[in-house]
N, C-alpha and C. Protein backbone atom coordinates (compact mmCIF):
# COMPACT_ATOMS: atom_id res chain seq x y z
N MET A 1 -9.74 -32.78 41.98
CA MET A 1 -9.85 -31.42 42.70
C MET A 1 -9.84 -30.60 41.95
N GLN A 2 -10.30 -29.66 42.42
CA GLN A 2 -10.99 -28.65 41.90
C GLN A 2 -9.91 -27.37 41.67
N GLN A 3 -9.50 -26.99 39.89
CA GLN A 3 -8.55 -25.24 40.09
C GLN A 3 -9.16 -24.22 41.32
N THR A 4 -8.74 -23.89 42.08
CA THR A 4 -9.34 -22.30 42.68
C THR A 4 -8.93 -21.49 42.48
N GLY A 5 -7.86 -21.16 41.75
CA GLY A 5 -7.21 -19.87 41.23
C GLY A 5 -8.09 -19.58 40.16
N PRO A 6 -7.16 -18.35 39.51
CA PRO A 6 -7.97 -17.82 38.00
C PRO A 6 -7.50 -18.10 36.94
N ALA A 7 -8.73 -18.41 36.15
CA ALA A 7 -8.09 -18.82 35.07
C ALA A 7 -7.10 -18.08 34.40
N LYS A 8 -5.94 -19.48 33.88
CA LYS A 8 -5.47 -18.81 33.06
C LYS A 8 -5.60 -18.39 31.70
N ARG A 9 -5.69 -16.89 31.25
CA ARG A 9 -6.05 -16.57 29.95
C ARG A 9 -5.26 -16.80 28.63
N ARG A 10 -6.23 -17.47 27.99
CA ARG A 10 -5.12 -17.72 26.23
C ARG A 10 -5.19 -16.76 25.53
N ARG A 11 -3.71 -16.29 24.97
CA ARG A 11 -3.51 -15.48 24.36
C ARG A 11 -3.99 -15.85 22.50
N ASP A 12 -4.46 -15.15 21.72
CA ASP A 12 -4.92 -15.66 20.75
C ASP A 12 -3.77 -15.24 19.94
N PRO A 13 -2.78 -15.82 19.11
CA PRO A 13 -1.59 -15.69 18.85
C PRO A 13 -1.93 -15.00 17.27
N GLN A 14 -3.04 -14.88 16.46
CA GLN A 14 -3.38 -14.42 15.40
C GLN A 14 -3.85 -12.89 15.50
N LYS A 15 -3.94 -12.61 17.03
CA LYS A 15 -4.02 -10.87 17.25
C LYS A 15 -2.78 -10.83 17.79
N ARG A 16 -2.13 -11.35 18.30
CA ARG A 16 -1.02 -11.01 18.78
C ARG A 16 -0.39 -10.29 17.69
N ILE A 17 -0.27 -11.65 16.45
CA ILE A 17 0.28 -11.16 15.69
C ILE A 17 0.11 -9.75 14.60
N ALA A 18 -1.10 -9.80 14.70
CA ALA A 18 -1.84 -8.33 13.98
C ALA A 18 -1.39 -7.17 14.41
N GLU A 19 -1.66 -7.21 16.54
CA GLU A 19 -0.82 -6.04 16.92
C GLU A 19 0.34 -6.09 16.63
N ILE A 20 1.58 -6.97 16.60
CA ILE A 20 2.71 -6.79 16.16
C ILE A 20 3.12 -6.59 14.85
N VAL A 21 2.41 -6.20 14.12
CA VAL A 21 1.79 -6.03 12.38
C VAL A 21 1.76 -4.27 12.45
N ALA A 22 0.79 -4.27 13.26
CA ALA A 22 -0.30 -2.22 13.83
C ALA A 22 1.49 -1.93 14.29
N ALA A 23 1.55 -2.42 14.74
CA ALA A 23 2.82 -1.95 15.54
C ALA A 23 4.43 -1.55 14.34
N THR A 24 4.47 -2.35 14.14
CA THR A 24 5.68 -2.38 13.19
C THR A 24 5.53 -1.35 12.21
N GLU A 25 4.14 -1.25 11.30
CA GLU A 25 3.48 -0.06 10.65
C GLU A 25 4.20 1.25 11.43
N SER A 26 3.34 1.04 12.44
CA SER A 26 3.13 2.76 13.66
C SER A 26 4.79 3.26 13.56
N VAL A 27 5.72 2.14 13.96
CA VAL A 27 7.00 2.45 14.02
C VAL A 27 8.01 2.97 12.84
N ILE A 28 7.61 2.50 11.77
CA ILE A 28 7.56 2.09 10.54
C ILE A 28 7.28 4.12 10.30
N ALA A 29 6.35 4.60 10.21
CA ALA A 29 5.52 5.67 10.09
C ALA A 29 6.06 7.20 10.51
N ALA A 30 6.91 6.33 12.38
CA ALA A 30 7.05 7.79 13.46
C ALA A 30 9.14 7.44 12.84
N ARG A 31 9.37 6.36 12.57
CA ARG A 31 11.05 6.48 12.48
C ARG A 31 11.53 6.10 11.23
N GLY A 32 10.98 5.56 10.19
CA GLY A 32 11.33 4.88 8.73
C GLY A 32 11.82 3.33 9.53
N ILE A 33 12.16 3.21 8.12
CA ILE A 33 12.60 1.60 8.14
C ILE A 33 14.26 1.24 9.31
N GLU A 34 14.72 2.65 8.83
CA GLU A 34 16.60 2.55 9.43
C GLU A 34 15.74 2.84 11.22
N GLY A 35 14.89 3.00 11.53
CA GLY A 35 14.59 3.46 13.02
C GLY A 35 14.05 1.88 13.40
N LEU A 36 13.15 1.00 12.83
CA LEU A 36 12.41 0.29 13.50
C LEU A 36 13.65 -1.25 14.11
N THR A 37 13.36 -2.10 15.24
CA THR A 37 13.65 -2.77 15.67
C THR A 37 12.76 -3.35 16.50
N HIS A 38 13.10 -4.48 16.86
CA HIS A 38 11.62 -5.74 17.73
C HIS A 38 11.94 -4.46 19.07
N ARG A 39 12.59 -3.84 19.50
CA ARG A 39 12.32 -3.52 21.29
C ARG A 39 11.15 -2.15 20.95
N ALA A 40 11.17 -1.85 19.53
CA ALA A 40 10.51 -0.34 19.67
C ALA A 40 8.83 -1.18 19.08
N VAL A 41 9.12 -1.76 18.45
CA VAL A 41 7.73 -3.06 18.06
C VAL A 41 7.40 -3.36 19.46
N ALA A 42 7.92 -3.95 20.24
CA ALA A 42 7.43 -4.18 21.39
C ALA A 42 6.93 -2.84 22.68
N GLU A 43 7.78 -2.02 21.85
CA GLU A 43 7.13 -1.16 23.01
C GLU A 43 5.61 -0.56 22.74
N GLU A 44 5.97 -0.34 21.23
CA GLU A 44 4.30 0.34 20.44
C GLU A 44 3.68 -0.78 20.78
N ALA A 45 3.29 -2.09 20.25
CA ALA A 45 1.94 -3.12 20.25
C ALA A 45 2.37 -3.02 21.99
N GLY A 46 2.95 -3.15 22.79
CA GLY A 46 2.62 -3.21 24.03
C GLY A 46 2.49 -4.16 24.77
N VAL A 47 3.88 -5.55 24.28
CA VAL A 47 3.93 -6.74 24.61
C VAL A 47 5.30 -7.29 24.89
N PRO A 48 5.41 -7.77 25.58
CA PRO A 48 7.08 -8.94 25.43
C PRO A 48 7.80 -8.21 24.42
N LEU A 49 9.27 -7.93 24.76
CA LEU A 49 9.95 -8.29 23.21
C LEU A 49 10.07 -9.96 22.96
N GLY A 50 10.29 -10.67 23.88
CA GLY A 50 10.10 -12.08 23.00
C GLY A 50 8.61 -12.20 22.16
N ALA A 51 7.79 -11.41 22.48
CA ALA A 51 6.63 -11.99 21.65
C ALA A 51 7.27 -12.05 20.18
N THR A 52 7.36 -10.19 19.85
CA THR A 52 7.60 -10.05 18.80
C THR A 52 8.50 -10.92 17.67
N THR A 53 10.45 -11.84 18.59
CA THR A 53 11.09 -12.23 18.21
C THR A 53 10.68 -13.72 18.38
N TYR A 54 9.39 -14.19 19.41
CA TYR A 54 9.04 -15.42 18.23
C TYR A 54 8.32 -15.65 17.36
N HIS A 55 7.01 -14.75 16.93
CA HIS A 55 6.90 -14.12 15.89
C HIS A 55 7.09 -13.89 14.36
N PHE A 56 8.18 -13.86 14.84
CA PHE A 56 9.16 -12.52 13.84
C PHE A 56 10.57 -12.90 13.80
N ALA A 57 11.36 -14.06 13.84
CA ALA A 57 12.54 -13.56 14.05
C ALA A 57 13.92 -12.56 13.90
N THR A 58 13.35 -11.94 12.65
CA THR A 58 14.30 -11.09 12.12
C THR A 58 13.32 -9.67 11.77
N LYS A 59 14.45 -8.56 11.85
CA LYS A 59 13.78 -7.28 11.62
C LYS A 59 13.21 -7.56 9.81
N ASP A 60 13.65 -8.23 8.87
CA ASP A 60 12.84 -8.21 7.68
C ASP A 60 12.03 -8.74 7.76
N ASP A 61 12.14 -9.88 8.73
CA ASP A 61 11.18 -11.07 9.09
C ASP A 61 9.08 -9.36 9.33
N LEU A 62 9.48 -8.82 9.60
CA LEU A 62 9.02 -7.43 10.16
C LEU A 62 8.31 -6.65 9.08
N ILE A 63 9.31 -6.32 8.61
CA ILE A 63 9.23 -5.50 7.15
C ILE A 63 8.26 -6.37 6.18
N THR A 64 8.54 -7.34 6.46
CA THR A 64 7.44 -8.42 5.07
C THR A 64 6.65 -8.41 5.95
N ALA A 65 6.26 -8.65 6.98
CA ALA A 65 4.54 -8.88 7.22
C ALA A 65 4.02 -7.68 7.51
N ALA A 66 4.84 -6.58 7.39
CA ALA A 66 4.33 -5.16 7.29
C ALA A 66 3.81 -4.82 6.02
N LEU A 67 4.81 -4.89 4.83
CA LEU A 67 4.59 -5.20 3.08
C LEU A 67 3.49 -5.37 3.01
N ARG A 68 3.05 -7.30 3.93
CA ARG A 68 2.05 -7.54 3.17
C ARG A 68 1.11 -7.49 3.67
N ALA A 69 1.00 -6.90 4.78
CA ALA A 69 -0.65 -6.21 5.39
C ALA A 69 -0.66 -4.98 4.93
N ALA A 70 0.34 -4.31 4.39
CA ALA A 70 -0.31 -3.11 3.05
C ALA A 70 -0.69 -3.45 2.01
N VAL A 71 -0.30 -4.41 1.31
CA VAL A 71 -0.90 -5.00 -0.04
C VAL A 71 -2.04 -5.28 0.68
N ASP A 72 -2.79 -6.03 0.94
CA ASP A 72 -3.40 -6.79 2.06
C ASP A 72 -5.04 -5.46 1.42
N ARG A 73 -4.50 -4.72 1.90
CA ARG A 73 -5.13 -3.62 2.81
C ARG A 73 -5.01 -2.93 0.87
N PHE A 74 -4.60 -2.97 0.45
CA PHE A 74 -4.90 -2.03 -0.82
C PHE A 74 -5.77 -2.73 -2.12
N ALA A 75 -5.47 -4.26 -1.71
CA ALA A 75 -5.85 -4.92 -2.97
C ALA A 75 -7.73 -5.08 -2.27
N ALA A 76 -8.36 -4.77 -1.01
CA ALA A 76 -9.34 -4.56 -0.22
C ALA A 76 -10.02 -3.19 -0.59
N TYR A 77 -9.30 -2.14 -0.82
CA TYR A 77 -9.59 -0.89 -1.24
C TYR A 77 -9.72 -1.16 -2.83
N LEU A 78 -8.99 -1.38 -3.36
CA LEU A 78 -9.62 -1.74 -4.72
C LEU A 78 -10.66 -2.05 -5.57
N GLN A 79 -10.94 -3.44 -5.09
CA GLN A 79 -11.52 -4.05 -5.34
C GLN A 79 -13.50 -3.57 -4.16
N GLU A 80 -13.45 -2.79 -3.55
CA GLU A 80 -14.30 -1.92 -3.01
C GLU A 80 -14.46 -0.76 -4.26
N TRP A 81 -13.42 -0.30 -4.56
CA TRP A 81 -13.67 1.20 -5.25
C TRP A 81 -13.92 0.74 -6.39
N VAL A 82 -13.50 -0.52 -7.45
CA VAL A 82 -14.88 -0.90 -8.63
C VAL A 82 -15.95 -1.26 -8.04
N ALA A 83 -15.81 -1.99 -7.45
CA ALA A 83 -17.06 -2.94 -6.85
C ALA A 83 -18.75 -1.66 -7.36
N GLN A 84 -17.72 -0.42 -6.40
CA GLN A 84 -19.01 0.71 -6.64
C GLN A 84 -19.15 2.02 -7.63
N ARG A 85 -17.91 0.84 -8.65
CA ARG A 85 -18.03 2.01 -9.85
C ARG A 85 -18.05 0.94 -11.35
N PRO A 86 -18.60 0.25 -11.18
CA PRO A 86 -19.04 -1.22 -12.86
C PRO A 86 -18.65 -0.38 -14.04
N ARG A 87 -18.97 0.73 -14.07
CA ARG A 87 -18.80 1.81 -15.27
C ARG A 87 -18.63 2.94 -15.34
N LEU A 88 -17.53 3.63 -15.71
CA LEU A 88 -17.47 4.54 -16.35
C LEU A 88 -16.82 5.28 -16.91
N THR A 89 -17.22 5.87 -17.72
CA THR A 89 -16.44 6.97 -18.56
C THR A 89 -15.07 6.97 -18.27
N VAL A 90 -14.65 7.41 -19.84
CA VAL A 90 -12.96 8.17 -19.49
C VAL A 90 -12.81 9.62 -18.99
N ASP A 91 -14.02 9.97 -18.31
CA ASP A 91 -13.71 11.25 -18.27
C ASP A 91 -14.14 11.08 -16.48
N GLN A 92 -15.23 10.11 -16.28
CA GLN A 92 -15.31 10.18 -15.32
C GLN A 92 -14.01 9.18 -13.89
N LEU A 93 -13.55 8.61 -14.89
CA LEU A 93 -12.30 7.56 -14.66
C LEU A 93 -11.21 8.49 -13.87
N VAL A 94 -10.86 9.35 -15.04
CA VAL A 94 -9.95 10.14 -14.51
C VAL A 94 -10.38 11.43 -13.32
N VAL A 95 -11.26 11.59 -13.47
CA VAL A 95 -11.94 12.39 -12.28
C VAL A 95 -11.66 11.92 -10.92
N LEU A 96 -12.44 10.72 -11.00
CA LEU A 96 -11.86 9.72 -9.98
C LEU A 96 -10.61 9.26 -9.24
N LEU A 97 -10.30 8.83 -10.04
CA LEU A 97 -8.70 8.49 -10.07
C LEU A 97 -8.05 9.99 -9.43
N THR A 98 -7.93 10.65 -9.86
CA THR A 98 -7.84 11.71 -9.10
C THR A 98 -8.03 12.07 -7.54
N ASP A 99 -9.47 11.35 -7.47
CA ASP A 99 -9.58 12.27 -5.88
C ASP A 99 -9.01 11.00 -5.07
N ALA A 100 -8.88 9.86 -6.07
CA ALA A 100 -8.07 8.78 -5.51
C ALA A 100 -6.87 9.36 -4.63
N LEU A 101 -6.10 9.93 -5.88
CA LEU A 101 -4.89 10.57 -5.74
C LEU A 101 -4.70 11.67 -4.73
N MET A 102 -5.25 12.41 -4.85
CA MET A 102 -4.82 13.74 -4.29
C MET A 102 -4.59 13.30 -3.08
N PRO A 103 -5.36 12.95 -2.02
CA PRO A 103 -5.19 12.84 -0.57
C PRO A 103 -4.39 12.26 0.12
N THR A 104 -3.14 11.56 -0.98
CA THR A 104 -1.90 10.55 -0.50
C THR A 104 -1.13 12.08 -0.46
N PHE A 105 -1.10 12.98 -1.00
CA PHE A 105 -0.09 14.63 -1.08
C PHE A 105 -0.83 15.15 1.01
N GLY A 106 -1.88 15.24 0.76
CA GLY A 106 -2.38 15.75 2.12
C GLY A 106 -2.71 15.08 3.29
N GLY A 107 -3.90 14.39 3.87
CA GLY A 107 -4.61 13.88 4.93
C GLY A 107 -3.51 12.46 5.18
N GLN A 108 -3.62 11.86 3.69
CA GLN A 108 -3.19 10.09 3.91
C GLN A 108 -1.56 10.45 4.01
N ARG A 109 -1.06 10.95 4.00
CA ARG A 109 0.59 11.73 3.25
C ARG A 109 1.48 10.30 4.51
N ASP A 110 0.88 10.37 5.43
CA ASP A 110 2.02 10.13 6.61
C ASP A 110 1.71 8.08 6.38
N ALA A 111 -0.03 7.63 6.37
CA ALA A 111 0.10 6.36 5.93
C ALA A 111 1.08 5.90 4.39
N GLN A 112 0.79 7.41 3.35
CA GLN A 112 1.21 6.57 2.11
C GLN A 112 2.77 6.35 2.18
N VAL A 113 3.73 7.07 3.05
CA VAL A 113 5.42 7.45 2.86
C VAL A 113 5.53 5.87 3.91
N MET A 114 4.87 5.73 5.11
CA MET A 114 5.16 4.63 5.44
C MET A 114 4.84 3.14 4.43
N GLU A 115 4.14 3.01 3.69
CA GLU A 115 3.82 1.96 2.98
C GLU A 115 4.37 2.51 1.01
N PHE A 116 5.07 3.38 1.36
CA PHE A 116 5.80 3.00 0.33
C PHE A 116 7.58 3.24 0.84
N GLU A 117 7.82 3.88 1.61
CA GLU A 117 8.95 2.84 2.70
C GLU A 117 8.79 1.69 2.48
N LEU A 118 7.89 1.01 2.55
CA LEU A 118 8.04 -0.30 2.94
C LEU A 118 7.95 -0.79 1.44
N TYR A 119 7.55 -0.39 0.06
CA TYR A 119 7.40 -0.72 -1.07
C TYR A 119 8.82 -0.67 -1.05
N MET A 120 9.74 0.42 -1.27
CA MET A 120 10.99 0.53 -2.30
C MET A 120 12.17 0.16 -0.99
N ALA A 121 11.66 -0.71 0.27
CA ALA A 121 12.30 -1.78 0.62
C ALA A 121 12.86 -2.69 0.28
N ALA A 122 12.21 -3.02 -1.02
CA ALA A 122 12.30 -4.03 -2.39
C ALA A 122 13.47 -3.81 -2.65
N LEU A 123 13.88 -2.99 -2.98
CA LEU A 123 14.87 -2.10 -3.59
C LEU A 123 16.63 -3.48 -3.67
N ARG A 124 16.58 -2.90 -2.03
CA ARG A 124 17.34 -4.06 -1.07
C ARG A 124 17.60 -5.31 -1.17
N ARG A 125 15.97 -5.67 -0.88
CA ARG A 125 15.33 -7.16 -0.78
C ARG A 125 14.85 -7.65 -1.23
N PRO A 126 15.49 -8.41 -2.10
CA PRO A 126 15.44 -9.26 -3.59
C PRO A 126 13.93 -10.25 -3.22
N HIS A 127 13.68 -10.72 -1.90
CA HIS A 127 12.99 -11.46 -1.32
C HIS A 127 11.66 -10.79 -1.03
N LEU A 128 11.48 -9.66 -0.74
CA LEU A 128 10.16 -8.34 -0.96
C LEU A 128 9.70 -7.69 -2.59
N ARG A 129 9.87 -8.65 -3.78
CA ARG A 129 9.78 -7.97 -4.87
C ARG A 129 8.48 -8.55 -5.41
N PRO A 130 7.85 -10.13 -5.19
CA PRO A 130 7.27 -10.26 -5.39
C PRO A 130 6.07 -9.24 -4.81
N ILE A 131 5.89 -9.55 -3.49
CA ILE A 131 5.18 -9.14 -2.65
C ILE A 131 4.78 -7.13 -3.37
N ALA A 132 6.12 -6.48 -3.39
CA ALA A 132 5.81 -5.16 -3.89
C ALA A 132 5.51 -5.35 -5.37
N ASP A 133 5.64 -6.20 -6.20
CA ASP A 133 5.00 -6.40 -7.52
C ASP A 133 2.97 -6.48 -7.04
N GLN A 134 2.36 -6.73 -6.64
CA GLN A 134 1.52 -6.42 -6.26
C GLN A 134 1.09 -5.29 -6.36
N TYR A 135 1.53 -4.25 -6.00
CA TYR A 135 0.80 -3.14 -5.69
C TYR A 135 0.78 -2.77 -7.77
N ILE A 136 1.43 -2.55 -8.51
CA ILE A 136 1.38 -2.38 -10.03
C ILE A 136 0.23 -3.76 -10.37
N GLU A 137 0.49 -4.33 -10.06
CA GLU A 137 -0.65 -5.98 -10.56
C GLU A 137 -2.04 -5.37 -9.80
N LEU A 138 -1.99 -4.89 -8.40
CA LEU A 138 -3.19 -4.81 -8.63
C LEU A 138 -4.52 -3.64 -8.89
N SER A 139 -3.34 -2.50 -9.11
CA SER A 139 -3.23 -1.36 -10.07
C SER A 139 -4.06 -1.68 -11.09
N PHE A 140 -3.48 -2.39 -11.83
CA PHE A 140 -3.63 -2.97 -13.91
C PHE A 140 -4.44 -3.95 -13.75
N GLU A 141 -5.20 -4.28 -12.62
CA GLU A 141 -5.92 -5.63 -12.87
C GLU A 141 -7.10 -4.48 -12.14
N ALA A 142 -7.42 -3.41 -11.48
CA ALA A 142 -8.95 -2.55 -11.25
C ALA A 142 -8.84 -1.67 -12.94
N MET A 143 -7.55 -1.28 -13.27
CA MET A 143 -7.71 -0.73 -14.34
C MET A 143 -8.16 -1.10 -15.99
N LEU A 144 -8.46 -2.62 -15.46
CA LEU A 144 -8.27 -3.83 -16.83
C LEU A 144 -9.97 -3.42 -16.84
N ASN A 145 -10.80 -3.31 -15.60
CA ASN A 145 -12.41 -3.32 -15.97
C ASN A 145 -13.01 -1.80 -16.81
N TYR A 146 -11.75 -0.96 -17.03
CA TYR A 146 -12.49 0.15 -17.81
C TYR A 146 -11.84 0.34 -19.18
N VAL A 147 -10.18 0.17 -19.31
CA VAL A 147 -9.46 0.08 -20.13
C VAL A 147 -8.67 -0.41 -20.91
N ASP A 148 -8.39 -0.96 -21.82
CA ASP A 148 -7.41 -1.85 -22.78
C ASP A 148 -6.17 -2.15 -22.19
N PRO A 149 -5.85 -3.62 -21.92
CA PRO A 149 -4.47 -3.87 -20.92
C PRO A 149 -3.01 -3.09 -21.10
N LEU A 150 -2.66 -2.07 -22.26
CA LEU A 150 -1.75 -1.49 -22.32
C LEU A 150 -1.49 -0.21 -21.62
N THR A 151 -3.31 -0.06 -21.61
CA THR A 151 -3.90 1.60 -20.98
C THR A 151 -3.79 1.26 -19.86
N ALA A 152 -4.05 0.29 -19.43
CA ALA A 152 -4.52 -0.37 -17.70
C ALA A 152 -2.65 -0.19 -17.18
N ARG A 153 -2.06 -0.86 -17.78
CA ARG A 153 -0.36 -0.95 -17.45
C ARG A 153 0.31 0.61 -17.09
N ALA A 154 -0.24 1.27 -18.54
CA ALA A 154 0.42 2.75 -18.48
C ALA A 154 -0.48 3.14 -17.37
N ALA A 155 -1.45 3.20 -16.94
CA ALA A 155 -2.44 4.14 -15.77
C ALA A 155 -1.39 3.35 -14.69
N ALA A 156 -1.29 2.23 -14.16
CA ALA A 156 -1.40 1.98 -13.24
C ALA A 156 -0.01 2.42 -12.32
N VAL A 157 1.94 2.12 -13.76
CA VAL A 157 2.59 3.02 -13.52
C VAL A 157 2.37 4.45 -13.18
N ALA A 158 2.18 5.01 -13.95
CA ALA A 158 2.10 6.55 -13.99
C ALA A 158 1.07 6.72 -12.28
N MET A 159 0.54 5.74 -11.99
CA MET A 159 -0.20 6.11 -10.74
C MET A 159 0.86 6.27 -9.42
N ASN A 160 1.57 4.81 -9.94
CA ASN A 160 2.76 4.77 -8.63
C ASN A 160 3.60 5.95 -9.08
N GLY A 161 4.18 6.33 -10.36
CA GLY A 161 5.50 7.20 -10.55
C GLY A 161 4.52 8.47 -9.69
N LEU A 162 3.23 9.13 -9.92
CA LEU A 162 2.54 9.87 -9.61
C LEU A 162 2.53 10.89 -7.80
N THR A 163 2.49 9.56 -7.57
CA THR A 163 2.40 9.08 -5.85
C THR A 163 3.61 9.05 -5.49
N LEU A 164 4.55 8.85 -5.99
CA LEU A 164 5.87 8.62 -5.52
C LEU A 164 6.47 10.21 -5.80
N HIS A 165 6.56 10.01 -7.02
CA HIS A 165 6.83 12.05 -7.09
C HIS A 165 6.56 12.94 -6.30
N GLY A 166 4.89 12.58 -5.43
CA GLY A 166 4.06 13.69 -4.89
C GLY A 166 4.68 13.67 -3.10
N LEU A 167 5.32 12.11 -2.82
CA LEU A 167 5.90 11.89 -1.57
C LEU A 167 7.11 12.53 -1.16
N ALA A 168 7.72 12.08 -2.37
CA ALA A 168 9.56 12.22 -2.66
C ALA A 168 9.83 13.69 -2.92
N GLY A 169 9.05 14.57 -3.68
CA GLY A 169 9.43 15.62 -4.28
C GLY A 169 9.60 16.94 -3.28
N SER A 170 9.89 17.94 -3.75
CA SER A 170 9.40 19.15 -2.92
C SER A 170 7.87 19.26 -2.76
N HIS A 171 7.99 18.96 -4.22
CA HIS A 171 6.42 19.63 -4.20
C HIS A 171 5.21 18.74 -4.50
N ALA A 172 4.29 18.39 -4.25
CA ALA A 172 3.22 17.15 -5.01
C ALA A 172 2.67 18.22 -6.15
N PRO A 173 1.77 17.44 -7.14
CA PRO A 173 1.56 17.63 -8.53
C PRO A 173 0.13 18.50 -7.95
N THR A 174 -0.45 19.52 -8.41
CA THR A 174 -1.68 20.01 -8.60
C THR A 174 -2.39 18.70 -8.81
N ARG A 175 -3.75 19.40 -8.56
CA ARG A 175 -4.80 18.28 -9.34
C ARG A 175 -5.01 18.33 -10.53
N ALA A 176 -4.40 19.60 -11.28
CA ALA A 176 -5.14 19.84 -13.14
C ALA A 176 -4.05 19.06 -13.04
N GLU A 177 -2.38 18.99 -12.51
CA GLU A 177 -1.21 17.79 -13.05
C GLU A 177 -1.82 16.72 -13.36
N VAL A 178 -2.12 16.48 -12.94
CA VAL A 178 -2.37 14.89 -12.26
C VAL A 178 -3.43 14.14 -13.18
N GLU A 179 -4.57 15.61 -12.96
CA GLU A 179 -6.12 15.26 -14.72
C GLU A 179 -5.42 15.01 -15.63
N GLY A 180 -4.27 16.17 -16.02
CA GLY A 180 -3.43 15.84 -16.98
C GLY A 180 -3.25 14.84 -17.65
N ILE A 181 -2.19 14.35 -16.91
CA ILE A 181 -1.54 13.64 -17.25
C ILE A 181 -2.59 12.17 -16.97
N LEU A 182 -3.48 11.89 -16.50
CA LEU A 182 -4.16 10.84 -16.19
C LEU A 182 -4.85 10.66 -17.86
N ARG A 183 -5.51 11.94 -17.83
CA ARG A 183 -6.15 12.01 -18.96
C ARG A 183 -5.53 11.53 -20.27
N ARG A 184 -4.52 12.02 -20.70
CA ARG A 184 -3.59 11.97 -21.75
C ARG A 184 -3.02 10.35 -22.04
N ILE A 185 -3.00 9.85 -20.58
CA ILE A 185 -2.86 8.38 -20.77
C ILE A 185 -4.23 7.38 -21.19
N LEU A 186 -5.42 8.43 -20.42
CA LEU A 186 -6.46 6.87 -20.71
C LEU A 186 -7.71 7.86 -21.50
N THR A 187 -7.40 8.87 -22.06
CA THR A 187 -8.14 9.08 -23.79
C THR A 187 -7.75 8.41 -24.39
N PRO A 188 -8.84 7.18 -25.45
CA PRO A 188 -7.86 6.76 -26.84
C PRO A 188 -7.80 7.85 -27.93
N ASN A 189 -6.45 7.41 -27.99
CA ASN A 189 -6.02 8.48 -28.97
C ASN A 189 -6.39 8.03 -30.86
N PRO A 190 -7.27 8.83 -31.21
CA PRO A 190 -7.54 7.88 -32.37
C PRO A 190 -6.80 7.53 -33.86
N ALA A 191 -5.48 8.25 -33.51
CA ALA A 191 -4.27 8.83 -34.86
C ALA A 191 -3.36 6.94 -34.30
N LEU A 192 -3.85 6.69 -32.92
CA LEU A 192 -3.09 5.47 -33.18
C LEU A 192 -3.40 4.81 -33.96
N ALA A 193 -5.19 4.44 -33.44
CA ALA A 193 -5.70 3.21 -34.15
C ALA A 193 -5.17 3.52 -35.68
N GLU A 194 -4.84 5.04 -36.32
CA GLU A 194 -4.91 4.85 -37.83
C GLU A 194 -3.22 4.20 -37.65
N LEU A 195 -2.71 3.82 -36.95
CA LEU A 195 -1.05 3.23 -37.93
C LEU A 195 -1.14 1.78 -38.04
N PRO A 196 -0.27 1.09 -39.00
CA PRO A 196 0.03 -0.05 -39.41
C PRO A 196 0.42 -0.76 -38.34
């Protein structure tokens, strides 16, 4: 016997998960992690509450998924950034890194605040630390394309600190300040080479 009613539409679980994660990020951007609830995510995603709890049993599961998504975006961004700039002088690197950092204090501020809030969630959630570690490691690996390992590590940590300072402080650093700090870190110091 043939079925005459409308065919039942199957939901793509991966698409549903992506929608819930994107909604989680939107809720955190609007309300902070303290304002994150399954109900708020379900409303933002336009899905039943049961769909969020089915895929993400706890609030920490939502935070973990959002942090992973942010790290994955950052990894893709850095991979493309390096691919488009295979060789750079120190001066070029300083200017281009400054170009990349400055929008975080302007037009990209809201997205950066959300990502740093996720990053800082690792302070009280040890299970998030291996994911949060990837922010510095990804920056470090990108910098290795241009400088030695110690300089790459210093630059990665400095960019993280500059971003956090600019987002959480009362005043964002100026372009000249960012350039000056990065230039100090990235410029080889001939005097150090002479030390034993």
